[in-house]
Amino acid sequence: SLMVKIVRNENDLKIGIEIIDEKSKELFNHDSKIKKIFEGCLWAEGPVYLEDKNLIVWSDIPFNRMLYYDISKGNTGVYINNSEYSNGNSIDLEGNHITAEHGGRAISKRDKNGNRTVIADNFDGKKLNSPNDLVCKSDGSIWFTDPQYGIKSNYEGYKSESELGFNGVYKIDKQNNVILLTKEIDGPNGIAFSPDEKILYVTDTETTGNIFSFKVDNENIYEKKVFAKPRPGKPDGIKIDELGNVFSSAWDGVQIFSPSGDLIAKILLPEQRTANLCFGGKYFNELFITSDKSLYTIDMNVRGNRN
């Protein structure tokens, strides 16, 4: 049976699995253990699984670099220096590595050889703020969030005024048009689709600290609702499993919500705040979590949704 191993340190931080709804035990293996893979980031963010290389690549934003963890060999290292203060990472339909960049104020893609091209860096002739996170939909469009965290200081990008004057959620269509979906979220951050792509989830890292859900049709999003309120702290990155459960970063680790928005379990991590996560590995059932200075992993009994 699953036991929560609670380890306390001076900040009353914990490590372990906390089961809130008994049914959520099925998401974990009976021997699921949380392992720390790497420590030494200033602010770890945006992990992605690069299937063709069997790598987890993630951002260390203030150090302006991406790091890698080679799952086959078990080693870590620097993947890209001068990563344009990369934040969120994802994969497009062609298998290109796509990135939300604070420094470039852009969405970029890197092909298999690492060559970078900019997909989008403006809306309506004005520079984007500092794209934060992104996801590719099955029709090839790329959906991303654009708050101002990367232009507020020189710590996570280059200090600058917002040209747009608002924080948006956007879609880049197959013709590379940038389409504004909403500017109704204060600090839009994490972004993900339900498995059937009929629901879009967006986190707000500002005043509300909510995960919002929207209904999706081909061109628009509508019917904004409060899906969940992760506490303590505020949600950042989110991913969805194949069952439609929402895995959200939070101050105390990863909080898992059912498709109806009920908190069902937590993966507690002994760091000050958790930023983001992704599924990866051969069977897409290994969860990789960027938490403050470190990268953690835990084997799950459920696979991640591919987007």
C-alpha atoms as a PDB file:
ATOM      1  CA  SER A   1       0.000   0.000   0.000  1.00  0.00           C
ATOM      2  CA  LEU A   2       1.118   3.574  -0.580  1.00  0.00           C
ATOM      3  CA  MET A   3       2.651   5.277   2.387  1.00  0.00           C
ATOM      4  CA  VAL A   4       3.375   8.968   2.569  1.00  0.00           C
ATOM      5  CA  LYS A   5       6.911   9.385   3.761  1.00  0.00           C
ATOM      6  CA  ILE A   6       6.920  12.779   5.411  1.00  0.00           C
ATOM      7  CA  VAL A   7      10.353  14.289   5.909  1.00  0.00           C
ATOM      8  CA  ARG A   8      10.447  17.631   7.666  1.00  0.00           C
ATOM      9  CA  ASN A   9      13.195  20.211   7.514  1.00  0.00           C
ATOM     10  CA  GLU A  10      13.567  23.645   9.061  1.00  0.00           C
ATOM     11  CA  ASN A  11      11.017  25.158   6.675  1.00  0.00           C
ATOM     12  CA  ASP A  12       8.474  22.421   7.413  1.00  0.00           C
ATOM     13  CA  LEU A  13       8.841  21.146   3.864  1.00  0.00           C
ATOM     14  CA  LYS A  14       7.741  17.606   3.080  1.00  0.00           C
ATOM     15  CA  ILE A  15       8.496  14.846   0.617  1.00  0.00           C
ATOM     16  CA  GLY A  16       6.129  12.032  -0.259  1.00  0.00           C
ATOM     17  CA  ILE A  17       2.783  11.112  -1.778  1.00  0.00           C
ATOM     18  CA  GLU A  18      -0.356  12.333  -0.063  1.00  0.00           C
ATOM     19  CA  ILE A  19      -3.540  10.484  -1.022  1.00  0.00           C
ATOM     20  CA  ILE A  20      -6.659  12.631  -0.615  1.00  0.00           C
ATOM     21  CA  ASP A  21      -9.131  10.541  -2.634  1.00  0.00           C
ATOM     22  CA  GLU A  22      -8.603   6.768  -2.242  1.00  0.00           C
ATOM     23  CA  LYS A  23      -9.178   6.207  -5.971  1.00  0.00           C
ATOM     24  CA  SER A  24      -6.090   8.290  -6.754  1.00  0.00           C
ATOM     25  CA  LYS A  25      -3.906   5.456  -5.393  1.00  0.00           C
ATOM     26  CA  GLU A  26      -4.374   3.862  -8.813  1.00  0.00           C
ATOM     27  CA  LEU A  27      -2.273   6.660 -10.361  1.00  0.00           C
ATOM     28  CA  PHE A  28       0.812   5.476  -8.461  1.00  0.00           C
ATOM     29  CA  ASN A  29       2.795   2.262  -8.350  1.00  0.00           C
ATOM     30  CA  HIS A  30       2.968   0.676  -4.895  1.00  0.00           C
ATOM     31  CA  ASP A  31       6.710   1.372  -4.937  1.00  0.00           C
ATOM     32  CA  SER A  32       6.548   4.853  -6.512  1.00  0.00           C
ATOM     33  CA  LYS A  33       9.457   6.823  -5.089  1.00  0.00           C
ATOM     34  CA  ILE A  34      10.417  10.453  -5.571  1.00  0.00           C
ATOM     35  CA  LYS A  35      14.042  10.764  -6.718  1.00  0.00           C
ATOM     36  CA  LYS A  36      16.121  13.895  -7.054  1.00  0.00           C
ATOM     37  CA  ILE A  37      18.070  13.835 -10.331  1.00  0.00           C
ATOM     38  CA  PHE A  38      19.794  17.218 -10.301  1.00  0.00           C
ATOM     39  CA  GLU A  39      20.332  20.175  -7.992  1.00  0.00           C
ATOM     40  CA  GLY A  40      21.997  23.459  -8.885  1.00  0.00           C
ATOM     41  CA  CYS A  41      19.510  25.588 -10.810  1.00  0.00           C
ATOM     42  CA  LEU A  42      18.642  29.159  -9.894  1.00  0.00           C
ATOM     43  CA  TRP A  43      15.030  28.651 -11.050  1.00  0.00           C
ATOM     44  CA  ALA A  44      14.211  25.370 -12.787  1.00  0.00           C
ATOM     45  CA  GLU A  45      11.346  25.499 -15.296  1.00  0.00           C
ATOM     46  CA  GLY A  46       9.745  24.119 -18.449  1.00  0.00           C
ATOM     47  CA  PRO A  47      10.731  20.423 -18.715  1.00  0.00           C
ATOM     48  CA  VAL A  48      10.021  18.567 -21.960  1.00  0.00           C
ATOM     49  CA  TYR A  49      10.671  15.021 -23.159  1.00  0.00           C
ATOM     50  CA  LEU A  50      12.616  14.810 -26.434  1.00  0.00           C
ATOM     51  CA  GLU A  51      11.605  11.343 -27.544  1.00  0.00           C
ATOM     52  CA  ASP A  52      14.102  10.902 -30.388  1.00  0.00           C
ATOM     53  CA  LYS A  53      17.013  11.601 -28.012  1.00  0.00           C
ATOM     54  CA  ASN A  54      15.444  10.079 -24.861  1.00  0.00           C
ATOM     55  CA  LEU A  55      16.279  13.313 -23.038  1.00  0.00           C
ATOM     56  CA  ILE A  56      14.469  15.496 -20.564  1.00  0.00           C
ATOM     57  CA  VAL A  57      15.405  19.098 -21.342  1.00  0.00           C
ATOM     58  CA  TRP A  58      14.522  21.909 -18.959  1.00  0.00           C
ATOM     59  CA  SER A  59      15.157  25.622 -18.476  1.00  0.00           C
ATOM     60  CA  ASP A  60      17.236  27.270 -15.776  1.00  0.00           C
ATOM     61  CA  ILE A  61      15.922  30.741 -16.463  1.00  0.00           C
ATOM     62  CA  PRO A  62      18.218  33.150 -14.536  1.00  0.00           C
ATOM     63  CA  PHE A  63      21.321  31.223 -15.722  1.00  0.00           C
ATOM     64  CA  ASN A  64      20.011  31.656 -19.313  1.00  0.00           C
ATOM     65  CA  ARG A  65      20.525  27.995 -20.170  1.00  0.00           C
ATOM     66  CA  MET A  66      18.788  24.687 -20.785  1.00  0.00           C
ATOM     67  CA  LEU A  67      19.947  21.519 -19.074  1.00  0.00           C
ATOM     68  CA  TYR A  68      19.409  17.895 -20.049  1.00  0.00           C
ATOM     69  CA  TYR A  69      18.936  14.581 -18.301  1.00  0.00           C
ATOM     70  CA  ASP A  70      19.791  11.560 -20.449  1.00  0.00           C
ATOM     71  CA  ILE A  71      17.347   8.865 -19.320  1.00  0.00           C
ATOM     72  CA  SER A  72      19.340   6.020 -20.923  1.00  0.00           C
ATOM     73  CA  LYS A  73      22.711   7.018 -19.476  1.00  0.00           C
ATOM     74  CA  GLY A  74      21.493   8.660 -16.273  1.00  0.00           C
ATOM     75  CA  ASN A  75      23.704  11.726 -16.705  1.00  0.00           C
ATOM     76  CA  THR A  76      22.954  15.456 -16.785  1.00  0.00           C
ATOM     77  CA  GLY A  77      24.624  18.455 -18.383  1.00  0.00           C
ATOM     78  CA  VAL A  78      24.171  21.756 -20.189  1.00  0.00           C
ATOM     79  CA  TYR A  79      22.010  21.380 -23.313  1.00  0.00           C
ATOM     80  CA  ILE A  80      22.042  24.992 -24.569  1.00  0.00           C
ATOM     81  CA  ASN A  81      23.886  28.008 -23.236  1.00  0.00           C
ATOM     82  CA  ASN A  82      22.398  31.429 -24.036  1.00  0.00           C
ATOM     83  CA  SER A  83      18.916  29.956 -24.390  1.00  0.00           C
ATOM     84  CA  GLU A  84      17.255  33.399 -24.752  1.00  0.00           C
ATOM     85  CA  TYR A  85      16.123  33.017 -21.121  1.00  0.00           C
ATOM     86  CA  SER A  86      13.937  30.096 -22.175  1.00  0.00           C
ATOM     87  CA  ASN A  87      10.969  29.183 -19.986  1.00  0.00           C
ATOM     88  CA  GLY A  88       8.360  26.661 -21.202  1.00  0.00           C
ATOM     89  CA  ASN A  89       9.201  23.935 -23.726  1.00  0.00           C
ATOM     90  CA  SER A  90       7.066  21.601 -25.814  1.00  0.00           C
ATOM     91  CA  ILE A  91       7.116  19.552 -29.023  1.00  0.00           C
ATOM     92  CA  ASP A  92       5.333  20.346 -32.275  1.00  0.00           C
ATOM     93  CA  LEU A  93       3.736  17.815 -34.627  1.00  0.00           C
ATOM     94  CA  GLU A  94       6.981  17.402 -36.600  1.00  0.00           C
ATOM     95  CA  GLY A  95       8.917  16.637 -33.433  1.00  0.00           C
ATOM     96  CA  ASN A  96      10.630  20.042 -33.335  1.00  0.00           C
ATOM     97  CA  HIS A  97      11.480  21.392 -29.895  1.00  0.00           C
ATOM     98  CA  ILE A  98       9.424  24.585 -29.389  1.00  0.00           C
ATOM     99  CA  THR A  99      10.200  27.134 -26.682  1.00  0.00           C
ATOM    100  CA  ALA A 100       8.674  30.167 -24.990  1.00  0.00           C
ATOM    101  CA  GLU A 101      11.488  32.692 -24.605  1.00  0.00           C
ATOM    102  CA  HIS A 102      11.656  35.571 -22.146  1.00  0.00           C
ATOM    103  CA  GLY A 103      14.800  37.046 -23.679  1.00  0.00           C
ATOM    104  CA  GLY A 104      13.807  36.664 -27.323  1.00  0.00           C
ATOM    105  CA  ARG A 105      10.239  37.691 -26.409  1.00  0.00           C
ATOM    106  CA  ALA A 106       9.320  34.980 -28.871  1.00  0.00           C
ATOM    107  CA  ILE A 107       8.099  31.486 -29.597  1.00  0.00           C
ATOM    108  CA  SER A 108      10.931  29.650 -31.311  1.00  0.00           C
ATOM    109  CA  LYS A 109      11.581  26.188 -32.648  1.00  0.00           C
ATOM    110  CA  ARG A 110      14.706  24.093 -32.880  1.00  0.00           C
ATOM    111  CA  ASP A 111      14.989  21.317 -35.412  1.00  0.00           C
ATOM    112  CA  LYS A 112      16.691  17.982 -34.701  1.00  0.00           C
ATOM    113  CA  ASN A 113      20.105  19.630 -35.259  1.00  0.00           C
ATOM    114  CA  GLY A 114      19.386  22.453 -32.824  1.00  0.00           C
ATOM    115  CA  ASN A 115      18.929  25.206 -35.417  1.00  0.00           C
ATOM    116  CA  ARG A 116      16.676  27.917 -33.959  1.00  0.00           C
ATOM    117  CA  THR A 117      14.050  29.850 -35.897  1.00  0.00           C
ATOM    118  CA  VAL A 118      11.526  32.351 -34.538  1.00  0.00           C
ATOM    119  CA  ILE A 119       7.886  31.386 -35.140  1.00  0.00           C
ATOM    120  CA  ALA A 120       6.302  34.462 -33.532  1.00  0.00           C
ATOM    121  CA  ASP A 121       7.587  37.536 -31.693  1.00  0.00           C
ATOM    122  CA  ASN A 122       4.819  40.135 -32.083  1.00  0.00           C
ATOM    123  CA  PHE A 123       1.080  40.692 -32.104  1.00  0.00           C
ATOM    124  CA  ASP A 124      -0.466  43.511 -34.087  1.00  0.00           C
ATOM    125  CA  GLY A 125       2.994  44.903 -34.833  1.00  0.00           C
ATOM    126  CA  LYS A 126       3.892  45.151 -31.133  1.00  0.00           C
ATOM    127  CA  LYS A 127       6.477  42.994 -29.388  1.00  0.00           C
ATOM    128  CA  LEU A 128       5.185  40.162 -27.237  1.00  0.00           C
ATOM    129  CA  ASN A 129       5.845  40.604 -23.505  1.00  0.00           C
ATOM    130  CA  SER A 130       7.747  37.464 -22.477  1.00  0.00           C
ATOM    131  CA  PRO A 131       6.143  34.195 -23.611  1.00  0.00           C
ATOM    132  CA  ASN A 132       5.950  31.832 -20.672  1.00  0.00           C
ATOM    133  CA  ASP A 133       4.551  28.425 -21.602  1.00  0.00           C
ATOM    134  CA  LEU A 134       3.125  26.693 -24.658  1.00  0.00           C
ATOM    135  CA  VAL A 135       1.420  23.595 -26.009  1.00  0.00           C
ATOM    136  CA  CYS A 136       0.825  22.186 -29.494  1.00  0.00           C
ATOM    137  CA  LYS A 137      -2.692  21.149 -30.509  1.00  0.00           C
ATOM    138  CA  SER A 138      -3.315  18.154 -32.788  1.00  0.00           C
ATOM    139  CA  ASP A 139      -4.134  20.480 -35.715  1.00  0.00           C
ATOM    140  CA  GLY A 140      -0.593  21.889 -35.596  1.00  0.00           C
ATOM    141  CA  SER A 141      -1.490  25.207 -33.962  1.00  0.00           C
ATOM    142  CA  ILE A 142       0.650  26.368 -31.014  1.00  0.00           C
ATOM    143  CA  TRP A 143      -1.078  27.913 -27.991  1.00  0.00           C
ATOM    144  CA  PHE A 144       0.911  30.048 -25.551  1.00  0.00           C
ATOM    145  CA  THR A 145       0.724  32.442 -22.616  1.00  0.00           C
ATOM    146  CA  ASP A 146       2.380  35.875 -22.555  1.00  0.00           C
ATOM    147  CA  PRO A 147       2.665  37.540 -19.130  1.00  0.00           C
ATOM    148  CA  GLN A 148       5.375  40.088 -18.259  1.00  0.00           C
ATOM    149  CA  TYR A 149       7.635  38.185 -15.833  1.00  0.00           C
ATOM    150  CA  GLY A 150      10.589  38.199 -18.239  1.00  0.00           C
ATOM    151  CA  ILE A 151      10.539  41.976 -18.789  1.00  0.00           C
ATOM    152  CA  LYS A 152       9.971  43.053 -15.174  1.00  0.00           C
ATOM    153  CA  SER A 153      13.693  42.802 -14.352  1.00  0.00           C
ATOM    154  CA  ASN A 154      17.007  41.626 -15.757  1.00  0.00           C
ATOM    155  CA  TYR A 155      16.848  38.424 -13.667  1.00  0.00           C
ATOM    156  CA  GLU A 156      14.734  36.325 -16.065  1.00  0.00           C
ATOM    157  CA  GLY A 157      15.210  38.333 -19.267  1.00  0.00           C
ATOM    158  CA  TYR A 158      15.750  41.972 -20.223  1.00  0.00           C
ATOM    159  CA  LYS A 159      13.942  44.705 -18.321  1.00  0.00           C
ATOM    160  CA  SER A 160      11.582  46.529 -20.649  1.00  0.00           C
ATOM    161  CA  GLU A 161       8.201  48.193 -20.901  1.00  0.00           C
ATOM    162  CA  SER A 162       5.313  46.167 -22.280  1.00  0.00           C
ATOM    163  CA  GLU A 163       4.429  47.365 -25.777  1.00  0.00           C
ATOM    164  CA  LEU A 164       1.072  45.582 -25.673  1.00  0.00           C
ATOM    165  CA  GLY A 165      -0.062  46.826 -22.263  1.00  0.00           C
ATOM    166  CA  PHE A 166      -1.898  43.567 -21.444  1.00  0.00           C
ATOM    167  CA  ASN A 167      -1.163  39.909 -20.758  1.00  0.00           C
ATOM    168  CA  GLY A 168      -2.591  37.525 -23.325  1.00  0.00           C
ATOM    169  CA  VAL A 169      -3.235  33.931 -24.258  1.00  0.00           C
ATOM    170  CA  TYR A 170      -2.607  33.336 -27.956  1.00  0.00           C
ATOM    171  CA  LYS A 171      -2.724  30.796 -30.730  1.00  0.00           C
ATOM    172  CA  ILE A 172      -0.308  30.579 -33.653  1.00  0.00           C
ATOM    173  CA  ASP A 173      -2.123  29.005 -36.598  1.00  0.00           C
ATOM    174  CA  LYS A 174      -0.506  26.928 -39.336  1.00  0.00           C
ATOM    175  CA  GLN A 175       0.080  30.075 -41.419  1.00  0.00           C
ATOM    176  CA  ASN A 176       1.976  31.568 -38.446  1.00  0.00           C
ATOM    177  CA  ASN A 177      -0.736  34.155 -37.726  1.00  0.00           C
ATOM    178  CA  VAL A 178      -0.791  35.132 -34.043  1.00  0.00           C
ATOM    179  CA  ILE A 179      -4.395  35.217 -32.785  1.00  0.00           C
ATOM    180  CA  LEU A 180      -5.365  36.665 -29.376  1.00  0.00           C
ATOM    181  CA  LEU A 181      -7.674  34.283 -27.509  1.00  0.00           C
ATOM    182  CA  THR A 182      -8.125  36.184 -24.228  1.00  0.00           C
ATOM    183  CA  LYS A 183      -6.615  38.965 -22.151  1.00  0.00           C
ATOM    184  CA  GLU A 184      -8.946  38.296 -19.225  1.00  0.00           C
ATOM    185  CA  ILE A 185      -6.336  36.489 -17.101  1.00  0.00           C
ATOM    186  CA  ASP A 186      -4.097  38.632 -14.931  1.00  0.00           C
ATOM    187  CA  GLY A 187      -0.945  36.498 -15.106  1.00  0.00           C
ATOM    188  CA  PRO A 188      -1.519  33.704 -17.653  1.00  0.00           C
ATOM    189  CA  ASN A 189       1.132  31.059 -17.174  1.00  0.00           C
ATOM    190  CA  GLY A 190       0.707  27.270 -17.501  1.00  0.00           C
ATOM    191  CA  ILE A 191      -1.376  25.984 -20.419  1.00  0.00           C
ATOM    192  CA  ALA A 192      -2.659  22.526 -21.388  1.00  0.00           C
ATOM    193  CA  PHE A 193      -5.503  20.727 -23.164  1.00  0.00           C
ATOM    194  CA  SER A 194      -7.806  17.981 -21.948  1.00  0.00           C
ATOM    195  CA  PRO A 195      -7.192  14.694 -23.817  1.00  0.00           C
ATOM    196  CA  ASP A 196     -10.079  15.387 -26.235  1.00  0.00           C
ATOM    197  CA  GLU A 197      -8.904  19.027 -26.671  1.00  0.00           C
ATOM    198  CA  LYS A 198     -12.383  20.303 -25.837  1.00  0.00           C
ATOM    199  CA  ILE A 199     -11.103  22.065 -22.708  1.00  0.00           C
ATOM    200  CA  LEU A 200      -8.172  24.457 -22.384  1.00  0.00           C
ATOM    201  CA  TYR A 201      -6.662  24.987 -18.937  1.00  0.00           C
ATOM    202  CA  VAL A 202      -4.699  28.148 -18.102  1.00  0.00           C
ATOM    203  CA  THR A 203      -3.162  29.025 -14.742  1.00  0.00           C
ATOM    204  CA  ASP A 204      -3.115  32.525 -13.249  1.00  0.00           C
ATOM    205  CA  THR A 205       0.041  33.247 -11.249  1.00  0.00           C
ATOM    206  CA  GLU A 206      -1.223  36.681 -10.231  1.00  0.00           C
ATOM    207  CA  THR A 207      -4.119  37.776  -8.007  1.00  0.00           C
ATOM    208  CA  THR A 208      -6.499  34.816  -8.278  1.00  0.00           C
ATOM    209  CA  GLY A 209      -4.034  31.924  -8.193  1.00  0.00           C
ATOM    210  CA  ASN A 210      -6.681  29.888 -10.028  1.00  0.00           C
ATOM    211  CA  ILE A 211      -6.574  27.298 -12.749  1.00  0.00           C
ATOM    212  CA  PHE A 212      -9.162  28.465 -15.281  1.00  0.00           C
ATOM    213  CA  SER A 213     -10.880  26.239 -17.818  1.00  0.00           C
ATOM    214  CA  PHE A 214     -12.307  27.291 -21.169  1.00  0.00           C
ATOM    215  CA  LYS A 215     -14.350  25.415 -23.715  1.00  0.00           C
ATOM    216  CA  VAL A 216     -12.588  25.197 -27.076  1.00  0.00           C
ATOM    217  CA  ASP A 217     -14.015  25.355 -30.556  1.00  0.00           C
ATOM    218  CA  ASN A 218     -11.803  25.473 -33.643  1.00  0.00           C
ATOM    219  CA  GLU A 219     -11.236  29.203 -33.590  1.00  0.00           C
ATOM    220  CA  ASN A 220     -12.021  30.454 -30.098  1.00  0.00           C
ATOM    221  CA  ILE A 221     -12.204  29.734 -26.399  1.00  0.00           C
ATOM    222  CA  TYR A 222     -15.311  30.576 -24.387  1.00  0.00           C
ATOM    223  CA  GLU A 223     -17.120  29.946 -21.095  1.00  0.00           C
ATOM    224  CA  LYS A 224     -14.281  30.750 -18.690  1.00  0.00           C
ATOM    225  CA  LYS A 225     -14.661  28.951 -15.352  1.00  0.00           C
ATOM    226  CA  VAL A 226     -12.642  28.538 -12.183  1.00  0.00           C
ATOM    227  CA  PHE A 227     -11.486  24.924 -12.437  1.00  0.00           C
ATOM    228  CA  ALA A 228      -9.412  24.725  -9.224  1.00  0.00           C
ATOM    229  CA  LYS A 229      -7.503  26.819  -6.691  1.00  0.00           C
ATOM    230  CA  PRO A 230      -4.208  25.119  -5.812  1.00  0.00           C
ATOM    231  CA  ARG A 231      -3.070  26.158  -2.319  1.00  0.00           C
ATOM    232  CA  PRO A 232      -0.639  26.917  -0.718  1.00  0.00           C
ATOM    233  CA  GLY A 233       0.973  29.220  -3.244  1.00  0.00           C
ATOM    234  CA  LYS A 234      -0.192  29.655  -6.824  1.00  0.00           C
ATOM    235  CA  PRO A 235      -0.233  27.305  -9.802  1.00  0.00           C
ATOM    236  CA  ASP A 236       2.434  27.635 -12.493  1.00  0.00           C
ATOM    237  CA  GLY A 237       2.979  24.835 -15.025  1.00  0.00           C
ATOM    238  CA  ILE A 238       0.312  22.173 -15.651  1.00  0.00           C
ATOM    239  CA  LYS A 239       0.126  18.852 -17.492  1.00  0.00           C
ATOM    240  CA  ILE A 240      -2.748  16.426 -18.051  1.00  0.00           C
ATOM    241  CA  ASP A 241      -2.708  12.633 -17.837  1.00  0.00           C
ATOM    242  CA  GLU A 242      -4.507  10.271 -20.227  1.00  0.00           C
ATOM    243  CA  LEU A 243      -7.481  10.111 -17.828  1.00  0.00           C
ATOM    244  CA  GLY A 244      -7.922  13.889 -17.870  1.00  0.00           C
ATOM    245  CA  ASN A 245      -6.503  14.523 -14.391  1.00  0.00           C
ATOM    246  CA  VAL A 246      -4.773  17.907 -14.089  1.00  0.00           C
ATOM    247  CA  PHE A 247      -1.281  17.885 -12.551  1.00  0.00           C
ATOM    248  CA  SER A 248      -0.490  21.379 -11.303  1.00  0.00           C
ATOM    249  CA  SER A 249       2.631  22.828  -9.780  1.00  0.00           C
ATOM    250  CA  ALA A 250       2.103  24.512  -6.402  1.00  0.00           C
ATOM    251  CA  TRP A 251       4.140  25.792  -3.482  1.00  0.00           C
ATOM    252  CA  ASP A 252       4.267  22.364  -1.810  1.00  0.00           C
ATOM    253  CA  GLY A 253       4.884  20.240  -4.921  1.00  0.00           C
ATOM    254  CA  VAL A 254       2.484  18.856  -7.516  1.00  0.00           C
ATOM    255  CA  GLN A 255      -1.255  18.876  -6.808  1.00  0.00           C
ATOM    256  CA  ILE A 256      -3.437  16.478  -8.803  1.00  0.00           C
ATOM    257  CA  PHE A 257      -7.046  17.377  -9.621  1.00  0.00           C
ATOM    258  CA  SER A 258      -9.725  15.130 -11.099  1.00  0.00           C
ATOM    259  CA  PRO A 259     -11.385  16.240 -14.374  1.00  0.00           C
ATOM    260  CA  SER A 260     -14.152  17.747 -12.229  1.00  0.00           C
ATOM    261  CA  GLY A 261     -11.657  19.897 -10.302  1.00  0.00           C
ATOM    262  CA  ASP A 262     -11.424  17.963  -7.022  1.00  0.00           C
ATOM    263  CA  LEU A 263      -8.022  17.730  -5.332  1.00  0.00           C
ATOM    264  CA  ILE A 264      -7.286  13.978  -5.244  1.00  0.00           C
ATOM    265  CA  ALA A 265      -3.564  13.675  -4.397  1.00  0.00           C
ATOM    266  CA  LYS A 266      -0.309  15.553  -3.881  1.00  0.00           C
ATOM    267  CA  ILE A 267       3.296  14.808  -4.690  1.00  0.00           C
ATOM    268  CA  LEU A 268       5.053  16.746  -1.943  1.00  0.00           C
ATOM    269  CA  LEU A 269       8.545  18.088  -2.644  1.00  0.00           C
ATOM    270  CA  PRO A 270      10.996  19.593  -0.138  1.00  0.00           C
ATOM    271  CA  GLU A 271      11.643  22.850  -2.004  1.00  0.00           C
ATOM    272  CA  GLN A 272      10.290  26.368  -1.677  1.00  0.00           C
ATOM    273  CA  ARG A 273       8.073  26.126  -4.772  1.00  0.00           C
ATOM    274  CA  THR A 274       7.504  23.854  -7.719  1.00  0.00           C
ATOM    275  CA  ALA A 275       7.398  25.399 -11.193  1.00  0.00           C
ATOM    276  CA  ASN A 276       6.523  22.830 -13.815  1.00  0.00           C
ATOM    277  CA  LEU A 277       6.448  19.188 -14.848  1.00  0.00           C
ATOM    278  CA  CYS A 278       6.211  16.828 -17.808  1.00  0.00           C
ATOM    279  CA  PHE A 279       5.632  13.188 -18.586  1.00  0.00           C
ATOM    280  CA  GLY A 280       8.335  11.279 -20.445  1.00  0.00           C
ATOM    281  CA  GLY A 281      10.258   8.070 -20.779  1.00  0.00           C
ATOM    282  CA  LYS A 282       9.661   5.116 -23.102  1.00  0.00           C
ATOM    283  CA  TYR A 283       6.085   4.545 -21.921  1.00  0.00           C
ATOM    284  CA  PHE A 284       5.360   8.230 -21.141  1.00  0.00           C
ATOM    285  CA  ASN A 285       4.623   7.273 -17.516  1.00  0.00           C
ATOM    286  CA  GLU A 286       7.594   8.884 -15.783  1.00  0.00           C
ATOM    287  CA  LEU A 287       6.811  12.270 -14.263  1.00  0.00           C
ATOM    288  CA  PHE A 288       9.641  14.829 -14.243  1.00  0.00           C
ATOM    289  CA  ILE A 289       9.246  17.855 -11.984  1.00  0.00           C
ATOM    290  CA  THR A 290      11.214  21.113 -11.886  1.00  0.00           C
ATOM    291  CA  SER A 291      11.121  22.428  -8.345  1.00  0.00           C
ATOM    292  CA  ASP A 292      13.043  25.556  -7.401  1.00  0.00           C
ATOM    293  CA  LYS A 293      16.713  24.473  -7.694  1.00  0.00           C
ATOM    294  CA  SER A 294      16.183  20.853  -8.701  1.00  0.00           C
ATOM    295  CA  LEU A 295      14.795  18.222 -11.076  1.00  0.00           C
ATOM    296  CA  TYR A 296      12.866  15.295  -9.561  1.00  0.00           C
ATOM    297  CA  THR A 297      11.253  12.193 -11.029  1.00  0.00           C
ATOM    298  CA  ILE A 298       8.616   9.668  -9.960  1.00  0.00           C
ATOM    299  CA  ASP A 299       7.304   6.631 -11.845  1.00  0.00           C
ATOM    300  CA  MET A 300       3.540   6.766 -12.325  1.00  0.00           C
ATOM    301  CA  ASN A 301       0.934   4.135 -13.085  1.00  0.00           C
ATOM    302  CA  VAL A 302      -0.686   6.444 -15.650  1.00  0.00           C
ATOM    303  CA  ARG A 303       0.602   7.940 -18.882  1.00  0.00           C
ATOM    304  CA  GLY A 304       0.715  11.590 -19.738  1.00  0.00           C
ATOM    305  CA  ASN A 305      -1.504  13.107 -22.384  1.00  0.00           C
ATOM    306  CA  ARG A 306       0.715  13.708 -25.400  1.00  0.00           C
ATOM    307  CA  ASN A 307       0.081  17.465 -25.677  1.00  0.00           C
END
